[in-house]
Amino acid sequence: MFLLRYLETLVLILFLASLEAKILRKRTISEVQLMHNIQEHKQVGERQGWLQEKLKNIIVVKSLLSLCLGPSMGKLLK
């Protein structure tokens, strides 16, 4: 009786472990895809930030040049 109960418990544990392993494999693929998407999103944000800084520098330099060179040269820069 004890041996049969032990065997039933062992089979149940192995069955549940095999189900859990299949679920983990699918979830792992989803997690890898999610991490890839997050990294891609971060890179897009970094590129946008870099571009905004460069554009800000261009606008500031253009404004300073128009102030220093006067209104006639400022119109040429626009």
PDB file of N, CA and C in Angstrom:
ATOM      1  N   MET A   1       0.826  -1.195   0.000  1.00  0.00           N
ATOM      2  CA  MET A   1       0.000   0.000   0.000  1.00  0.00           C
ATOM      3  C   MET A   1       0.870   1.260   0.000  1.00  0.00           C
ATOM      4  N   PHE A   2       1.879   1.258   0.865  1.00  0.00           N
ATOM      5  CA  PHE A   2       2.766   2.410   0.961  1.00  0.00           C
ATOM      6  C   PHE A   2       3.518   2.620  -0.354  1.00  0.00           C
ATOM      7  N   LEU A   3       3.966   1.521  -0.961  1.00  0.00           N
ATOM      8  CA  LEU A   3       4.709   1.602  -2.213  1.00  0.00           C
ATOM      9  C   LEU A   3       3.831   2.161  -3.344  1.00  0.00           C
ATOM     10  N   LEU A   4       2.585   1.752  -3.383  1.00  0.00           N
ATOM     11  CA  LEU A   4       1.663   2.257  -4.402  1.00  0.00           C
ATOM     12  C   LEU A   4       1.400   3.751  -4.209  1.00  0.00           C
ATOM     13  N   ARG A   5       1.220   4.162  -2.983  1.00  0.00           N
ATOM     14  CA  ARG A   5       0.996   5.587  -2.681  1.00  0.00           C
ATOM     15  C   ARG A   5       2.230   6.409  -3.067  1.00  0.00           C
ATOM     16  N   TYR A   6       3.409   5.874  -2.759  1.00  0.00           N
ATOM     17  CA  TYR A   6       4.659   6.540  -3.102  1.00  0.00           C
ATOM     18  C   TYR A   6       4.787   6.659  -4.621  1.00  0.00           C
ATOM     19  N   LEU A   7       4.446   5.599  -5.337  1.00  0.00           N
ATOM     20  CA  LEU A   7       4.527   5.597  -6.787  1.00  0.00           C
ATOM     21  C   LEU A   7       3.546   6.604  -7.397  1.00  0.00           C
ATOM     22  N   GLU A   8       2.333   6.672  -6.875  1.00  0.00           N
ATOM     23  CA  GLU A   8       1.347   7.642  -7.360  1.00  0.00           C
ATOM     24  C   GLU A   8       1.842   9.071  -7.154  1.00  0.00           C
ATOM     25  N   THR A   9       2.404   9.335  -5.993  1.00  0.00           N
ATOM     26  CA  THR A   9       2.932  10.672  -5.694  1.00  0.00           C
ATOM     27  C   THR A   9       4.078  11.018  -6.635  1.00  0.00           C
ATOM     28  N   LEU A  10       4.949  10.053  -6.869  1.00  0.00           N
ATOM     29  CA  LEU A  10       6.084  10.277  -7.754  1.00  0.00           C
ATOM     30  C   LEU A  10       5.622  10.563  -9.186  1.00  0.00           C
ATOM     31  N   VAL A  11       4.653   9.804  -9.664  1.00  0.00           N
ATOM     32  CA  VAL A  11       4.121  10.024 -11.010  1.00  0.00           C
ATOM     33  C   VAL A  11       3.467  11.399 -11.105  1.00  0.00           C
ATOM     34  N   LEU A  12       2.727  11.783 -10.095  1.00  0.00           N
ATOM     35  CA  LEU A  12       2.083  13.095 -10.086  1.00  0.00           C
ATOM     36  C   LEU A  12       3.118  14.219 -10.112  1.00  0.00           C
ATOM     37  N   ILE A  13       4.160  14.079  -9.324  1.00  0.00           N
ATOM     38  CA  ILE A  13       5.217  15.105  -9.290  1.00  0.00           C
ATOM     39  C   ILE A  13       5.907  15.201 -10.649  1.00  0.00           C
ATOM     40  N   LEU A  14       6.235  14.060 -11.229  1.00  0.00           N
ATOM     41  CA  LEU A  14       6.898  14.076 -12.537  1.00  0.00           C
ATOM     42  C   LEU A  14       5.993  14.664 -13.616  1.00  0.00           C
ATOM     43  N   PHE A  15       4.716  14.346 -13.554  1.00  0.00           N
ATOM     44  CA  PHE A  15       3.765  14.887 -14.526  1.00  0.00           C
ATOM     45  C   PHE A  15       3.662  16.407 -14.404  1.00  0.00           C
ATOM     46  N   LEU A  16       3.534  16.885 -13.175  1.00  0.00           N
ATOM     47  CA  LEU A  16       3.434  18.334 -12.968  1.00  0.00           C
ATOM     48  C   LEU A  16       4.727  19.038 -13.357  1.00  0.00           C
ATOM     49  N   ALA A  17       5.857  18.398 -13.085  1.00  0.00           N
ATOM     50  CA  ALA A  17       7.141  18.993 -13.459  1.00  0.00           C
ATOM     51  C   ALA A  17       7.263  19.100 -14.975  1.00  0.00           C
ATOM     52  N   SER A  18       6.789  18.083 -15.688  1.00  0.00           N
ATOM     53  CA  SER A  18       6.876  18.145 -17.153  1.00  0.00           C
ATOM     54  C   SER A  18       5.955  19.237 -17.705  1.00  0.00           C
ATOM     55  N   LEU A  19       4.789  19.424 -17.097  1.00  0.00           N
ATOM     56  CA  LEU A  19       3.897  20.503 -17.532  1.00  0.00           C
ATOM     57  C   LEU A  19       4.523  21.865 -17.273  1.00  0.00           C
ATOM     58  N   GLU A  20       5.119  22.010 -16.110  1.00  0.00           N
ATOM     59  CA  GLU A  20       5.751  23.279 -15.745  1.00  0.00           C
ATOM     60  C   GLU A  20       6.914  23.583 -16.683  1.00  0.00           C
ATOM     61  N   ALA A  21       7.669  22.567 -17.060  1.00  0.00           N
ATOM     62  CA  ALA A  21       8.806  22.777 -17.955  1.00  0.00           C
ATOM     63  C   ALA A  21       8.333  23.287 -19.315  1.00  0.00           C
ATOM     64  N   LYS A  22       7.241  22.768 -19.825  1.00  0.00           N
ATOM     65  CA  LYS A  22       6.728  23.235 -21.116  1.00  0.00           C
ATOM     66  C   LYS A  22       6.264  24.687 -21.019  1.00  0.00           C
ATOM     67  N   ILE A  23       5.610  25.025 -19.949  1.00  0.00           N
ATOM     68  CA  ILE A  23       5.143  26.396 -19.748  1.00  0.00           C
ATOM     69  C   ILE A  23       6.332  27.345 -19.637  1.00  0.00           C
ATOM     70  N   LEU A  24       7.369  26.917 -18.920  1.00  0.00           N
ATOM     71  CA  LEU A  24       8.547  27.764 -18.763  1.00  0.00           C
ATOM     72  C   LEU A  24       9.235  28.015 -20.098  1.00  0.00           C
ATOM     73  N   ARG A  25       9.301  27.015 -20.948  1.00  0.00           N
ATOM     74  CA  ARG A  25       9.936  27.221 -22.241  1.00  0.00           C
ATOM     75  C   ARG A  25       9.192  28.278 -23.047  1.00  0.00           C
ATOM     76  N   LYS A  26       7.883  28.211 -23.071  1.00  0.00           N
ATOM     77  CA  LYS A  26       7.111  29.208 -23.812  1.00  0.00           C
ATOM     78  C   LYS A  26       7.277  30.586 -23.193  1.00  0.00           C
ATOM     79  N   ARG A  27       7.243  30.638 -21.873  1.00  0.00           N
ATOM     80  CA  ARG A  27       7.376  31.917 -21.197  1.00  0.00           C
ATOM     81  C   ARG A  27       8.771  32.478 -21.413  1.00  0.00           C
ATOM     82  N   THR A  28       9.772  31.627 -21.439  1.00  0.00           N
ATOM     83  CA  THR A  28      11.132  32.095 -21.633  1.00  0.00           C
ATOM     84  C   THR A  28      11.281  32.763 -22.997  1.00  0.00           C
ATOM     85  N   ILE A  29      10.681  32.173 -24.018  1.00  0.00           N
ATOM     86  CA  ILE A  29      10.739  32.785 -25.347  1.00  0.00           C
ATOM     87  C   ILE A  29      10.043  34.144 -25.325  1.00  0.00           C
ATOM     88  N   SER A  30       8.912  34.230 -24.642  1.00  0.00           N
ATOM     89  CA  SER A  30       8.200  35.506 -24.537  1.00  0.00           C
ATOM     90  C   SER A  30       9.031  36.531 -23.779  1.00  0.00           C
ATOM     91  N   GLU A  31       9.712  36.079 -22.734  1.00  0.00           N
ATOM     92  CA  GLU A  31      10.542  37.005 -21.965  1.00  0.00           C
ATOM     93  C   GLU A  31      11.707  37.513 -22.791  1.00  0.00           C
ATOM     94  N   VAL A  32      12.304  36.642 -23.595  1.00  0.00           N
ATOM     95  CA  VAL A  32      13.408  37.073 -24.461  1.00  0.00           C
ATOM     96  C   VAL A  32      12.899  38.098 -25.469  1.00  0.00           C
ATOM     97  N   GLN A  33      11.733  37.848 -26.037  1.00  0.00           N
ATOM     98  CA  GLN A  33      11.150  38.794 -26.989  1.00  0.00           C
ATOM     99  C   GLN A  33      10.860  40.128 -26.311  1.00  0.00           C
ATOM    100  N   LEU A  34      10.340  40.069 -25.088  1.00  0.00           N
ATOM    101  CA  LEU A  34      10.045  41.288 -24.338  1.00  0.00           C
ATOM    102  C   LEU A  34      11.323  42.066 -24.050  1.00  0.00           C
ATOM    103  N   MET A  35      12.384  41.360 -23.632  1.00  0.00           N
ATOM    104  CA  MET A  35      13.650  42.043 -23.359  1.00  0.00           C
ATOM    105  C   MET A  35      14.203  42.674 -24.632  1.00  0.00           C
ATOM    106  N   HIS A  36      14.047  41.993 -25.765  1.00  0.00           N
ATOM    107  CA  HIS A  36      14.492  42.549 -27.044  1.00  0.00           C
ATOM    108  C   HIS A  36      13.710  43.823 -27.368  1.00  0.00           C
ATOM    109  N   ASN A  37      12.394  43.773 -27.176  1.00  0.00           N
ATOM    110  CA  ASN A  37      11.555  44.941 -27.457  1.00  0.00           C
ATOM    111  C   ASN A  37      11.913  46.110 -26.547  1.00  0.00           C
ATOM    112  N   ILE A  38      12.181  45.821 -25.274  1.00  0.00           N
ATOM    113  CA  ILE A  38      12.551  46.882 -24.332  1.00  0.00           C
ATOM    114  C   ILE A  38      13.874  47.514 -24.744  1.00  0.00           C
ATOM    115  N   GLN A  39      14.856  46.673 -25.124  1.00  0.00           N
ATOM    116  CA  GLN A  39      16.154  47.200 -25.547  1.00  0.00           C
ATOM    117  C   GLN A  39      16.006  48.056 -26.798  1.00  0.00           C
ATOM    118  N   GLU A  40      15.191  47.601 -27.732  1.00  0.00           N
ATOM    119  CA  GLU A  40      14.959  48.375 -28.953  1.00  0.00           C
ATOM    120  C   GLU A  40      14.300  49.717 -28.625  1.00  0.00           C
ATOM    121  N   HIS A  41      13.341  49.705 -27.704  1.00  0.00           N
ATOM    122  CA  HIS A  41      12.667  50.932 -27.287  1.00  0.00           C
ATOM    123  C   HIS A  41      13.663  51.897 -26.637  1.00  0.00           C
ATOM    124  N   LYS A  42      14.561  51.377 -25.806  1.00  0.00           N
ATOM    125  CA  LYS A  42      15.580  52.222 -25.175  1.00  0.00           C
ATOM    126  C   LYS A  42      16.489  52.851 -26.223  1.00  0.00           C
ATOM    127  N   GLN A  43      16.884  52.059 -27.220  1.00  0.00           N
ATOM    128  CA  GLN A  43      17.768  52.582 -28.260  1.00  0.00           C
ATOM    129  C   GLN A  43      17.086  53.681 -29.068  1.00  0.00           C
ATOM    130  N   VAL A  44      15.815  53.505 -29.355  1.00  0.00           N
ATOM    131  CA  VAL A  44      15.070  54.543 -30.082  1.00  0.00           C
ATOM    132  C   VAL A  44      15.018  55.819 -29.248  1.00  0.00           C
ATOM    133  N   GLY A  45      14.766  55.681 -27.950  1.00  0.00           N
ATOM    134  CA  GLY A  45      14.732  56.841 -27.060  1.00  0.00           C
ATOM    135  C   GLY A  45      16.076  57.542 -26.991  1.00  0.00           C
ATOM    136  N   GLU A  46      17.164  56.752 -26.932  1.00  0.00           N
ATOM    137  CA  GLU A  46      18.502  57.350 -26.892  1.00  0.00           C
ATOM    138  C   GLU A  46      18.800  58.103 -28.185  1.00  0.00           C
ATOM    139  N   ARG A  47      18.419  57.511 -29.317  1.00  0.00           N
ATOM    140  CA  ARG A  47      18.635  58.192 -30.599  1.00  0.00           C
ATOM    141  C   ARG A  47      17.852  59.489 -30.678  1.00  0.00           C
ATOM    142  N   GLN A  48      16.614  59.468 -30.213  1.00  0.00           N
ATOM    143  CA  GLN A  48      15.793  60.682 -30.236  1.00  0.00           C
ATOM    144  C   GLN A  48      16.385  61.752 -29.322  1.00  0.00           C
ATOM    145  N   GLY A  49      16.861  61.347 -28.156  1.00  0.00           N
ATOM    146  CA  GLY A  49      17.494  62.298 -27.244  1.00  0.00           C
ATOM    147  C   GLY A  49      18.745  62.904 -27.855  1.00  0.00           C
ATOM    148  N   TRP A  50      19.563  62.054 -28.495  1.00  0.00           N
ATOM    149  CA  TRP A  50      20.779  62.537 -29.141  1.00  0.00           C
ATOM    150  C   TRP A  50      20.435  63.532 -30.247  1.00  0.00           C
ATOM    151  N   LEU A  51      19.431  63.196 -31.050  1.00  0.00           N
ATOM    152  CA  LEU A  51      19.029  64.077 -32.146  1.00  0.00           C
ATOM    153  C   LEU A  51      18.485  65.403 -31.624  1.00  0.00           C
ATOM    154  N   GLN A  52      17.707  65.362 -30.552  1.00  0.00           N
ATOM    155  CA  GLN A  52      17.176  66.601 -29.976  1.00  0.00           C
ATOM    156  C   GLN A  52      18.299  67.491 -29.457  1.00  0.00           C
ATOM    157  N   GLU A  53      19.314  66.890 -28.832  1.00  0.00           N
ATOM    158  CA  GLU A  53      20.451  67.686 -28.348  1.00  0.00           C
ATOM    159  C   GLU A  53      21.191  68.335 -29.519  1.00  0.00           C
ATOM    160  N   LYS A  54      21.403  67.576 -30.585  1.00  0.00           N
ATOM    161  CA  LYS A  54      22.094  68.136 -31.752  1.00  0.00           C
ATOM    162  C   LYS A  54      21.283  69.270 -32.375  1.00  0.00           C
ATOM    163  N   LEU A  55      19.972  69.069 -32.489  1.00  0.00           N
ATOM    164  CA  LEU A  55      19.129  70.127 -33.054  1.00  0.00           C
ATOM    165  C   LEU A  55      19.108  71.357 -32.155  1.00  0.00           C
ATOM    166  N   LYS A  56      19.099  71.135 -30.846  1.00  0.00           N
ATOM    167  CA  LYS A  56      19.116  72.264 -29.913  1.00  0.00           C
ATOM    168  C   LYS A  56      20.407  73.062 -30.082  1.00  0.00           C
ATOM    169  N   ASN A  57      21.528  72.366 -30.238  1.00  0.00           N
ATOM    170  CA  ASN A  57      22.808  73.057 -30.437  1.00  0.00           C
ATOM    171  C   ASN A  57      22.801  73.848 -31.740  1.00  0.00           C
ATOM    172  N   ILE A  58      22.227  73.298 -32.782  1.00  0.00           N
ATOM    173  CA  ILE A  58      22.164  74.000 -34.064  1.00  0.00           C
ATOM    174  C   ILE A  58      21.310  75.257 -33.943  1.00  0.00           C
ATOM    175  N   ILE A  59      20.179  75.144 -33.282  1.00  0.00           N
ATOM    176  CA  ILE A  59      19.279  76.291 -33.124  1.00  0.00           C
ATOM    177  C   ILE A  59      19.942  77.377 -32.286  1.00  0.00           C
ATOM    178  N   VAL A  60      20.647  76.981 -31.211  1.00  0.00           N
ATOM    179  CA  VAL A  60      21.317  77.959 -30.348  1.00  0.00           C
ATOM    180  C   VAL A  60      22.419  78.671 -31.118  1.00  0.00           C
ATOM    181  N   VAL A  61      23.229  77.927 -31.858  1.00  0.00           N
ATOM    182  CA  VAL A  61      24.312  78.541 -32.627  1.00  0.00           C
ATOM    183  C   VAL A  61      23.744  79.481 -33.685  1.00  0.00           C
ATOM    184  N   LYS A  62      22.687  79.070 -34.345  1.00  0.00           N
ATOM    185  CA  LYS A  62      22.068  79.915 -35.369  1.00  0.00           C
ATOM    186  C   LYS A  62      21.541  81.210 -34.750  1.00  0.00           C
ATOM    187  N   SER A  63      20.932  81.111 -33.575  1.00  0.00           N
ATOM    188  CA  SER A  63      20.419  82.307 -32.898  1.00  0.00           C
ATOM    189  C   SER A  63      21.552  83.228 -32.484  1.00  0.00           C
ATOM    190  N   LEU A  64      22.629  82.646 -31.960  1.00  0.00           N
ATOM    191  CA  LEU A  64      23.774  83.468 -31.553  1.00  0.00           C
ATOM    192  C   LEU A  64      24.412  84.158 -32.756  1.00  0.00           C
ATOM    193  N   LEU A  65      24.529  83.450 -33.861  1.00  0.00           N
ATOM    194  CA  LEU A  65      25.109  84.062 -35.054  1.00  0.00           C
ATOM    195  C   LEU A  65      24.249  85.214 -35.561  1.00  0.00           C
ATOM    196  N   SER A  66      22.949  85.030 -35.537  1.00  0.00           N
ATOM    197  CA  SER A  66      22.083  86.106 -36.026  1.00  0.00           C
ATOM    198  C   SER A  66      22.152  87.317 -35.103  1.00  0.00           C
ATOM    199  N   LEU A  67      22.341  87.088 -33.793  1.00  0.00           N
ATOM    200  CA  LEU A  67      22.481  88.215 -32.864  1.00  0.00           C
ATOM    201  C   LEU A  67      23.811  88.928 -33.061  1.00  0.00           C
ATOM    202  N   CYS A  68      24.871  88.157 -33.275  1.00  0.00           N
ATOM    203  CA  CYS A  68      26.201  88.752 -33.411  1.00  0.00           C
ATOM    204  C   CYS A  68      26.392  89.455 -34.753  1.00  0.00           C
ATOM    205  N   LEU A  69      25.850  88.891 -35.803  1.00  0.00           N
ATOM    206  CA  LEU A  69      26.085  89.436 -37.139  1.00  0.00           C
ATOM    207  C   LEU A  69      25.103  90.526 -37.522  1.00  0.00           C
ATOM    208  N   GLY A  70      24.063  90.665 -36.756  1.00  0.00           N
ATOM    209  CA  GLY A  70      23.104  91.723 -37.046  1.00  0.00           C
ATOM    210  C   GLY A  70      21.920  91.209 -37.842  1.00  0.00           C
ATOM    211  N   PRO A  71      20.921  92.072 -38.000  1.00  0.00           N
ATOM    212  CA  PRO A  71      19.687  91.647 -38.659  1.00  0.00           C
ATOM    213  C   PRO A  71      19.861  91.308 -40.137  1.00  0.00           C
ATOM    214  N   SER A  72      20.761  91.984 -40.844  1.00  0.00           N
ATOM    215  CA  SER A  72      20.894  91.709 -42.283  1.00  0.00           C
ATOM    216  C   SER A  72      21.473  90.316 -42.522  1.00  0.00           C
ATOM    217  N   MET A  73      22.482  89.915 -41.759  1.00  0.00           N
ATOM    218  CA  MET A  73      23.068  88.583 -41.903  1.00  0.00           C
ATOM    219  C   MET A  73      22.162  87.527 -41.281  1.00  0.00           C
ATOM    220  N   GLY A  74      21.414  87.904 -40.260  1.00  0.00           N
ATOM    221  CA  GLY A  74      20.494  86.963 -39.625  1.00  0.00           C
ATOM    222  C   GLY A  74      19.431  86.486 -40.594  1.00  0.00           C
ATOM    223  N   LYS A  75      18.994  87.387 -41.481  1.00  0.00           N
ATOM    224  CA  LYS A  75      17.991  87.001 -42.485  1.00  0.00           C
ATOM    225  C   LYS A  75      18.579  86.013 -43.483  1.00  0.00           C
ATOM    226  N   LEU A  76      19.863  86.165 -43.793  1.00  0.00           N
ATOM    227  CA  LEU A  76      20.506  85.242 -44.728  1.00  0.00           C
ATOM    228  C   LEU A  76      20.623  83.841 -44.137  1.00  0.00           C
ATOM    229  N   LEU A  77      20.809  83.757 -42.822  1.00  0.00           N
ATOM    230  CA  LEU A  77      20.944  82.452 -42.172  1.00  0.00           C
ATOM    231  C   LEU A  77      19.632  81.691 -42.161  1.00  0.00           C
ATOM    232  N   LYS A  78      18.513  82.405 -42.161  1.00  0.00           N
ATOM    233  CA  LYS A  78      17.211  81.734 -42.134  1.00  0.00           C
ATOM    234  C   LYS A  78      16.952  81.179 -43.473  1.00  0.00           C
TER     235      LYS A  78
END
